[in-house]
Amino acid sequence: MCVLLPVRFAGCTEKKTMWTMRRRKLGFLMVTSLALTAMGCATEDSVQSLEKRVAALEEKQKAKATEDQDRQSKLENCVTVDANDAYWNYIQLNGKPVAGRPGVYTAALVQWDQAEKRKRDKIEECKLLYEPR
């Protein structure tokens, strides 16, 4: 083995030792890069693959958030508007309007209870249709 010395020692020259060191350094770098690749260190292709997967997951999350927001607004509309419509449609069909008072109805207690039951049923239907699964 040659040692780096400015003078000749055991038949080695400075040129020869520099060449040997370069070869060793190059060999070390090659072995290290092969080892890192074999251990699964990220290459450019794998980084791009991961970036694509992350972008796809972000897109999926954004779509799910939009869908959840849409579902929530439909649920609120169904519970407030559709359930009240079911209630008042039943009262309008089975009750009698009060003379001189538009929008006011008179009905038997059973009919009011039945209208309330229809409203609750409609709310349950809305929950089944629009609540998150």
N, C-alpha and C. Protein backbone atom coordinates (compact mmCIF):
# COMPACT_ATOMS: atom_id res chain seq x y z
N MET A 1 0.84 -1.18 0.00
CA MET A 1 0.00 0.00 0.00
C MET A 1 0.88 1.24 0.00
N CYS A 2 0.49 2.18 -0.78
CA CYS A 2 1.28 3.41 -0.89
C CYS A 2 0.73 4.45 0.06
N VAL A 3 1.61 5.21 0.61
CA VAL A 3 1.24 6.28 1.52
C VAL A 3 1.55 7.60 0.84
N LEU A 4 0.72 8.58 1.10
CA LEU A 4 0.95 9.90 0.50
C LEU A 4 2.16 10.57 1.16
N LEU A 5 3.19 10.59 0.45
CA LEU A 5 4.38 11.31 0.91
C LEU A 5 4.93 12.08 -0.27
N PRO A 6 5.47 13.22 -0.05
CA PRO A 6 5.99 14.00 -1.16
C PRO A 6 7.22 13.37 -1.82
N VAL A 7 7.81 12.43 -1.18
CA VAL A 7 9.00 11.79 -1.74
C VAL A 7 8.67 10.37 -2.11
N ARG A 8 9.53 9.77 -2.90
CA ARG A 8 9.32 8.38 -3.28
C ARG A 8 9.58 7.48 -2.09
N PHE A 9 8.67 6.52 -1.93
CA PHE A 9 8.83 5.58 -0.83
C PHE A 9 8.40 4.22 -1.33
N ALA A 10 9.23 3.28 -1.29
CA ALA A 10 8.96 1.90 -1.68
C ALA A 10 8.43 1.80 -3.09
N GLY A 11 8.94 2.58 -3.97
CA GLY A 11 8.58 2.48 -5.38
C GLY A 11 7.30 3.21 -5.75
N CYS A 12 6.67 3.94 -4.87
CA CYS A 12 5.43 4.67 -5.17
C CYS A 12 5.77 6.11 -5.51
N THR A 13 5.05 6.64 -6.46
CA THR A 13 5.22 8.05 -6.79
C THR A 13 3.96 8.80 -6.37
N GLU A 14 4.06 10.10 -6.30
CA GLU A 14 2.90 10.91 -5.91
C GLU A 14 1.78 10.74 -6.90
N LYS A 15 2.07 10.64 -8.17
CA LYS A 15 1.07 10.44 -9.20
C LYS A 15 0.31 9.15 -8.97
N LYS A 16 1.03 8.12 -8.68
CA LYS A 16 0.42 6.80 -8.48
C LYS A 16 -0.52 6.82 -7.27
N THR A 17 -0.10 7.45 -6.20
CA THR A 17 -0.94 7.49 -5.00
C THR A 17 -2.20 8.32 -5.23
N MET A 18 -2.10 9.40 -5.99
CA MET A 18 -3.28 10.21 -6.29
C MET A 18 -4.27 9.41 -7.13
N TRP A 19 -3.74 8.67 -8.10
CA TRP A 19 -4.60 7.83 -8.93
C TRP A 19 -5.30 6.78 -8.09
N THR A 20 -4.59 6.16 -7.18
CA THR A 20 -5.16 5.14 -6.30
C THR A 20 -6.24 5.75 -5.42
N MET A 21 -6.01 6.93 -4.90
CA MET A 21 -7.02 7.58 -4.06
C MET A 21 -8.28 7.92 -4.86
N ARG A 22 -8.11 8.36 -6.08
CA ARG A 22 -9.27 8.68 -6.92
C ARG A 22 -10.09 7.43 -7.20
N ARG A 23 -9.39 6.35 -7.50
CA ARG A 23 -10.10 5.08 -7.76
C ARG A 23 -10.85 4.62 -6.52
N ARG A 24 -10.21 4.74 -5.37
CA ARG A 24 -10.88 4.34 -4.12
C ARG A 24 -12.10 5.22 -3.86
N LYS A 25 -11.95 6.50 -4.06
CA LYS A 25 -13.05 7.44 -3.84
C LYS A 25 -14.21 7.15 -4.79
N LEU A 26 -13.87 6.91 -6.07
CA LEU A 26 -14.89 6.58 -7.05
C LEU A 26 -15.58 5.26 -6.70
N GLY A 27 -14.78 4.28 -6.31
CA GLY A 27 -15.34 2.99 -5.89
C GLY A 27 -16.26 3.14 -4.69
N PHE A 28 -15.83 3.95 -3.72
CA PHE A 28 -16.66 4.18 -2.53
C PHE A 28 -17.98 4.83 -2.90
N LEU A 29 -17.94 5.82 -3.77
CA LEU A 29 -19.16 6.51 -4.19
C LEU A 29 -20.10 5.56 -4.94
N MET A 30 -19.54 4.71 -5.78
CA MET A 30 -20.37 3.76 -6.52
C MET A 30 -21.03 2.76 -5.58
N VAL A 31 -20.27 2.22 -4.64
CA VAL A 31 -20.81 1.26 -3.68
C VAL A 31 -21.87 1.93 -2.82
N THR A 32 -21.61 3.16 -2.39
CA THR A 32 -22.57 3.88 -1.57
C THR A 32 -23.86 4.15 -2.33
N SER A 33 -23.75 4.58 -3.58
CA SER A 33 -24.96 4.87 -4.35
C SER A 33 -25.74 3.59 -4.63
N LEU A 34 -25.04 2.50 -4.92
CA LEU A 34 -25.74 1.22 -5.12
C LEU A 34 -26.42 0.76 -3.85
N ALA A 35 -25.75 0.93 -2.71
CA ALA A 35 -26.34 0.52 -1.44
C ALA A 35 -27.57 1.36 -1.12
N LEU A 36 -27.50 2.68 -1.35
CA LEU A 36 -28.66 3.55 -1.07
C LEU A 36 -29.83 3.22 -1.99
N THR A 37 -29.53 2.91 -3.25
CA THR A 37 -30.59 2.54 -4.18
C THR A 37 -31.22 1.22 -3.76
N ALA A 38 -30.39 0.27 -3.36
CA ALA A 38 -30.90 -1.03 -2.93
C ALA A 38 -31.71 -0.92 -1.65
N MET A 39 -31.36 0.04 -0.80
CA MET A 39 -32.10 0.19 0.46
C MET A 39 -33.42 0.90 0.25
N GLY A 40 -33.66 1.43 -0.92
CA GLY A 40 -34.96 2.04 -1.19
C GLY A 40 -34.96 3.54 -1.07
N CYS A 41 -33.84 4.17 -1.14
CA CYS A 41 -33.82 5.62 -1.12
C CYS A 41 -34.54 6.14 -2.35
N ALA A 42 -35.11 7.30 -2.22
CA ALA A 42 -35.95 7.86 -3.27
C ALA A 42 -35.16 8.19 -4.52
N THR A 43 -35.68 7.76 -5.64
CA THR A 43 -35.13 8.17 -6.92
C THR A 43 -36.09 9.19 -7.51
N GLU A 44 -35.72 9.78 -8.61
CA GLU A 44 -36.56 10.81 -9.22
C GLU A 44 -37.92 10.24 -9.62
N ASP A 45 -37.92 9.01 -10.15
CA ASP A 45 -39.18 8.38 -10.56
C ASP A 45 -40.08 8.13 -9.37
N SER A 46 -39.50 7.67 -8.26
CA SER A 46 -40.33 7.39 -7.10
C SER A 46 -40.85 8.67 -6.47
N VAL A 47 -40.08 9.74 -6.53
CA VAL A 47 -40.55 11.04 -6.01
C VAL A 47 -41.72 11.53 -6.85
N GLN A 48 -41.60 11.43 -8.17
CA GLN A 48 -42.69 11.85 -9.04
C GLN A 48 -43.92 11.00 -8.80
N SER A 49 -43.72 9.71 -8.59
CA SER A 49 -44.84 8.81 -8.31
C SER A 49 -45.55 9.22 -7.02
N LEU A 50 -44.75 9.52 -6.00
CA LEU A 50 -45.34 9.95 -4.73
C LEU A 50 -46.07 11.28 -4.87
N GLU A 51 -45.51 12.21 -5.65
CA GLU A 51 -46.17 13.49 -5.86
C GLU A 51 -47.51 13.30 -6.56
N LYS A 52 -47.57 12.38 -7.52
CA LYS A 52 -48.82 12.10 -8.22
C LYS A 52 -49.84 11.51 -7.26
N ARG A 53 -49.39 10.59 -6.40
CA ARG A 53 -50.31 9.99 -5.43
C ARG A 53 -50.83 11.03 -4.45
N VAL A 54 -49.96 11.92 -4.00
CA VAL A 54 -50.38 12.98 -3.07
C VAL A 54 -51.39 13.89 -3.74
N ALA A 55 -51.14 14.27 -4.99
CA ALA A 55 -52.06 15.13 -5.73
C ALA A 55 -53.42 14.44 -5.90
N ALA A 56 -53.39 13.14 -6.20
CA ALA A 56 -54.65 12.41 -6.35
C ALA A 56 -55.41 12.35 -5.03
N LEU A 57 -54.71 12.13 -3.93
CA LEU A 57 -55.37 12.09 -2.62
C LEU A 57 -55.93 13.46 -2.24
N GLU A 58 -55.19 14.52 -2.54
CA GLU A 58 -55.70 15.86 -2.25
C GLU A 58 -56.95 16.15 -3.07
N GLU A 59 -56.95 15.75 -4.32
CA GLU A 59 -58.12 15.94 -5.19
C GLU A 59 -59.31 15.16 -4.64
N LYS A 60 -59.04 13.94 -4.19
CA LYS A 60 -60.11 13.11 -3.64
C LYS A 60 -60.69 13.74 -2.37
N GLN A 61 -59.81 14.28 -1.51
CA GLN A 61 -60.26 14.94 -0.29
C GLN A 61 -61.10 16.17 -0.61
N LYS A 62 -60.66 16.94 -1.61
CA LYS A 62 -61.40 18.14 -2.00
C LYS A 62 -62.78 17.77 -2.52
N ALA A 63 -62.85 16.71 -3.32
CA ALA A 63 -64.14 16.25 -3.86
C ALA A 63 -65.05 15.78 -2.73
N LYS A 64 -64.48 15.07 -1.75
CA LYS A 64 -65.27 14.58 -0.62
C LYS A 64 -65.78 15.74 0.22
N ALA A 65 -64.94 16.75 0.43
CA ALA A 65 -65.37 17.92 1.20
C ALA A 65 -66.51 18.65 0.50
N THR A 66 -66.40 18.78 -0.82
CA THR A 66 -67.47 19.42 -1.59
C THR A 66 -68.74 18.61 -1.52
N GLU A 67 -68.61 17.29 -1.63
CA GLU A 67 -69.77 16.42 -1.55
C GLU A 67 -70.42 16.49 -0.17
N ASP A 68 -69.61 16.52 0.89
CA ASP A 68 -70.14 16.62 2.25
C ASP A 68 -70.87 17.95 2.46
N GLN A 69 -70.30 19.02 1.93
CA GLN A 69 -70.94 20.33 2.07
C GLN A 69 -72.27 20.36 1.32
N ASP A 70 -72.30 19.78 0.14
CA ASP A 70 -73.52 19.71 -0.66
C ASP A 70 -74.58 18.88 0.05
N ARG A 71 -74.13 17.74 0.60
CA ARG A 71 -75.06 16.86 1.33
C ARG A 71 -75.64 17.57 2.56
N GLN A 72 -74.79 18.33 3.26
CA GLN A 72 -75.25 19.06 4.45
C GLN A 72 -76.28 20.11 4.08
N SER A 73 -76.07 20.84 3.00
CA SER A 73 -77.03 21.87 2.60
C SER A 73 -78.35 21.24 2.16
N LYS A 74 -78.27 20.09 1.48
CA LYS A 74 -79.50 19.39 1.09
C LYS A 74 -80.26 18.89 2.32
N LEU A 75 -79.52 18.41 3.32
CA LEU A 75 -80.16 17.94 4.56
C LEU A 75 -80.88 19.09 5.26
N GLU A 76 -80.19 20.23 5.38
CA GLU A 76 -80.82 21.38 6.04
C GLU A 76 -82.06 21.84 5.29
N ASN A 77 -81.98 21.88 3.97
CA ASN A 77 -83.13 22.30 3.17
C ASN A 77 -84.28 21.31 3.32
N CYS A 78 -83.97 20.04 3.29
CA CYS A 78 -85.01 19.02 3.40
C CYS A 78 -85.70 19.08 4.76
N VAL A 79 -84.90 19.23 5.82
CA VAL A 79 -85.47 19.26 7.17
C VAL A 79 -86.33 20.50 7.39
N THR A 80 -85.88 21.64 6.91
CA THR A 80 -86.64 22.86 7.16
C THR A 80 -87.79 23.06 6.18
N VAL A 81 -87.51 22.95 4.89
CA VAL A 81 -88.53 23.28 3.89
C VAL A 81 -89.46 22.10 3.62
N ASP A 82 -88.90 20.95 3.26
CA ASP A 82 -89.73 19.81 2.87
C ASP A 82 -90.58 19.28 4.03
N ALA A 83 -90.00 19.24 5.24
CA ALA A 83 -90.76 18.75 6.39
C ALA A 83 -91.91 19.71 6.73
N ASN A 84 -91.66 21.00 6.66
CA ASN A 84 -92.73 21.97 6.91
C ASN A 84 -93.81 21.90 5.83
N ASP A 85 -93.38 21.68 4.58
CA ASP A 85 -94.36 21.52 3.50
C ASP A 85 -95.25 20.31 3.73
N ALA A 86 -94.65 19.21 4.16
CA ALA A 86 -95.44 18.00 4.45
C ALA A 86 -96.47 18.28 5.56
N TYR A 87 -96.03 19.01 6.58
CA TYR A 87 -96.92 19.36 7.70
C TYR A 87 -98.10 20.21 7.22
N TRP A 88 -97.78 21.32 6.51
CA TRP A 88 -98.84 22.23 6.11
C TRP A 88 -99.71 21.70 4.97
N ASN A 89 -99.15 20.88 4.10
CA ASN A 89 -99.99 20.25 3.07
C ASN A 89 -101.05 19.35 3.70
N TYR A 90 -100.67 18.60 4.73
CA TYR A 90 -101.64 17.73 5.40
C TYR A 90 -102.73 18.58 6.08
N ILE A 91 -102.31 19.65 6.73
CA ILE A 91 -103.30 20.51 7.40
C ILE A 91 -104.22 21.17 6.37
N GLN A 92 -103.69 21.63 5.26
CA GLN A 92 -104.52 22.26 4.23
C GLN A 92 -105.52 21.28 3.64
N LEU A 93 -105.10 20.02 3.48
CA LEU A 93 -106.00 19.02 2.91
C LEU A 93 -107.08 18.58 3.90
N ASN A 94 -106.76 18.50 5.19
CA ASN A 94 -107.68 17.94 6.18
C ASN A 94 -108.29 18.97 7.12
N GLY A 95 -107.80 20.20 7.09
CA GLY A 95 -108.37 21.23 7.94
C GLY A 95 -109.27 22.17 7.15
N LYS A 96 -109.81 23.15 7.85
CA LYS A 96 -110.67 24.13 7.21
C LYS A 96 -110.07 25.51 7.43
N PRO A 97 -109.99 26.31 6.37
CA PRO A 97 -109.45 27.66 6.54
C PRO A 97 -110.41 28.52 7.38
N VAL A 98 -109.83 29.37 8.21
CA VAL A 98 -110.61 30.28 9.04
C VAL A 98 -110.97 31.48 8.17
N ALA A 99 -112.25 31.85 8.18
CA ALA A 99 -112.73 32.95 7.35
C ALA A 99 -112.09 34.27 7.78
N GLY A 100 -111.63 35.01 6.82
CA GLY A 100 -111.07 36.34 7.08
C GLY A 100 -109.63 36.31 7.58
N ARG A 101 -109.06 35.12 7.72
CA ARG A 101 -107.67 35.02 8.19
C ARG A 101 -106.90 34.08 7.25
N PRO A 102 -106.28 34.63 6.24
CA PRO A 102 -105.58 33.78 5.28
C PRO A 102 -104.37 33.06 5.93
N GLY A 103 -104.21 31.79 5.61
CA GLY A 103 -103.10 30.99 6.14
C GLY A 103 -103.36 30.39 7.50
N VAL A 104 -104.58 30.60 8.04
CA VAL A 104 -104.93 30.05 9.35
C VAL A 104 -105.96 28.95 9.13
N TYR A 105 -105.72 27.79 9.75
CA TYR A 105 -106.61 26.64 9.58
C TYR A 105 -107.08 26.14 10.92
N THR A 106 -108.24 25.51 10.87
CA THR A 106 -108.78 24.84 12.04
C THR A 106 -108.92 23.37 11.69
N ALA A 107 -108.58 22.50 12.65
CA ALA A 107 -108.66 21.06 12.42
C ALA A 107 -108.79 20.37 13.76
N ALA A 108 -109.21 19.13 13.71
CA ALA A 108 -109.31 18.34 14.93
C ALA A 108 -107.90 18.05 15.45
N LEU A 109 -107.81 17.78 16.74
CA LEU A 109 -106.53 17.51 17.38
C LEU A 109 -105.81 16.32 16.74
N VAL A 110 -106.58 15.32 16.31
CA VAL A 110 -106.02 14.14 15.67
C VAL A 110 -105.30 14.54 14.37
N GLN A 111 -105.87 15.45 13.64
CA GLN A 111 -105.26 15.89 12.39
C GLN A 111 -103.96 16.66 12.64
N TRP A 112 -103.92 17.49 13.68
CA TRP A 112 -102.69 18.19 14.02
C TRP A 112 -101.60 17.20 14.44
N ASP A 113 -102.01 16.19 15.20
CA ASP A 113 -101.05 15.16 15.61
C ASP A 113 -100.53 14.39 14.40
N GLN A 114 -101.45 14.07 13.48
CA GLN A 114 -101.06 13.34 12.28
C GLN A 114 -100.11 14.20 11.41
N ALA A 115 -100.37 15.49 11.33
CA ALA A 115 -99.50 16.39 10.57
C ALA A 115 -98.11 16.44 11.21
N GLU A 116 -98.06 16.48 12.53
CA GLU A 116 -96.78 16.47 13.25
C GLU A 116 -96.02 15.16 13.00
N LYS A 117 -96.76 14.05 12.97
CA LYS A 117 -96.14 12.75 12.69
C LYS A 117 -95.57 12.73 11.27
N ARG A 118 -96.29 13.29 10.34
CA ARG A 118 -95.78 13.34 8.95
C ARG A 118 -94.52 14.20 8.86
N LYS A 119 -94.50 15.27 9.62
CA LYS A 119 -93.31 16.12 9.64
C LYS A 119 -92.11 15.35 10.21
N ARG A 120 -92.30 14.64 11.32
CA ARG A 120 -91.22 13.83 11.90
C ARG A 120 -90.76 12.74 10.94
N ASP A 121 -91.72 12.10 10.26
CA ASP A 121 -91.37 11.06 9.27
C ASP A 121 -90.54 11.65 8.13
N LYS A 122 -90.91 12.85 7.70
CA LYS A 122 -90.17 13.50 6.62
C LYS A 122 -88.74 13.83 7.08
N ILE A 123 -88.60 14.27 8.32
CA ILE A 123 -87.26 14.58 8.86
C ILE A 123 -86.41 13.31 8.90
N GLU A 124 -87.01 12.19 9.33
CA GLU A 124 -86.27 10.92 9.35
C GLU A 124 -85.88 10.49 7.93
N GLU A 125 -86.77 10.70 6.98
CA GLU A 125 -86.47 10.39 5.58
C GLU A 125 -85.30 11.25 5.09
N CYS A 126 -85.31 12.51 5.46
CA CYS A 126 -84.23 13.41 5.07
C CYS A 126 -82.89 12.94 5.65
N LYS A 127 -82.91 12.52 6.90
CA LYS A 127 -81.69 12.02 7.51
C LYS A 127 -81.16 10.79 6.80
N LEU A 128 -82.06 9.90 6.44
CA LEU A 128 -81.63 8.69 5.71
C LEU A 128 -81.05 9.04 4.35
N LEU A 129 -81.65 10.03 3.69
CA LEU A 129 -81.18 10.40 2.36
C LEU A 129 -79.87 11.17 2.36
N TYR A 130 -79.70 12.09 3.33
CA TYR A 130 -78.61 13.05 3.21
C TYR A 130 -77.56 13.04 4.31
N GLU A 131 -77.74 12.25 5.37
CA GLU A 131 -76.70 12.21 6.39
C GLU A 131 -75.50 11.44 5.86
N PRO A 132 -74.30 11.80 6.32
CA PRO A 132 -73.10 11.08 5.87
C PRO A 132 -73.16 9.61 6.28
N ARG A 133 -72.63 8.79 5.40
CA ARG A 133 -72.67 7.35 5.68
C ARG A 133 -71.44 6.91 6.37
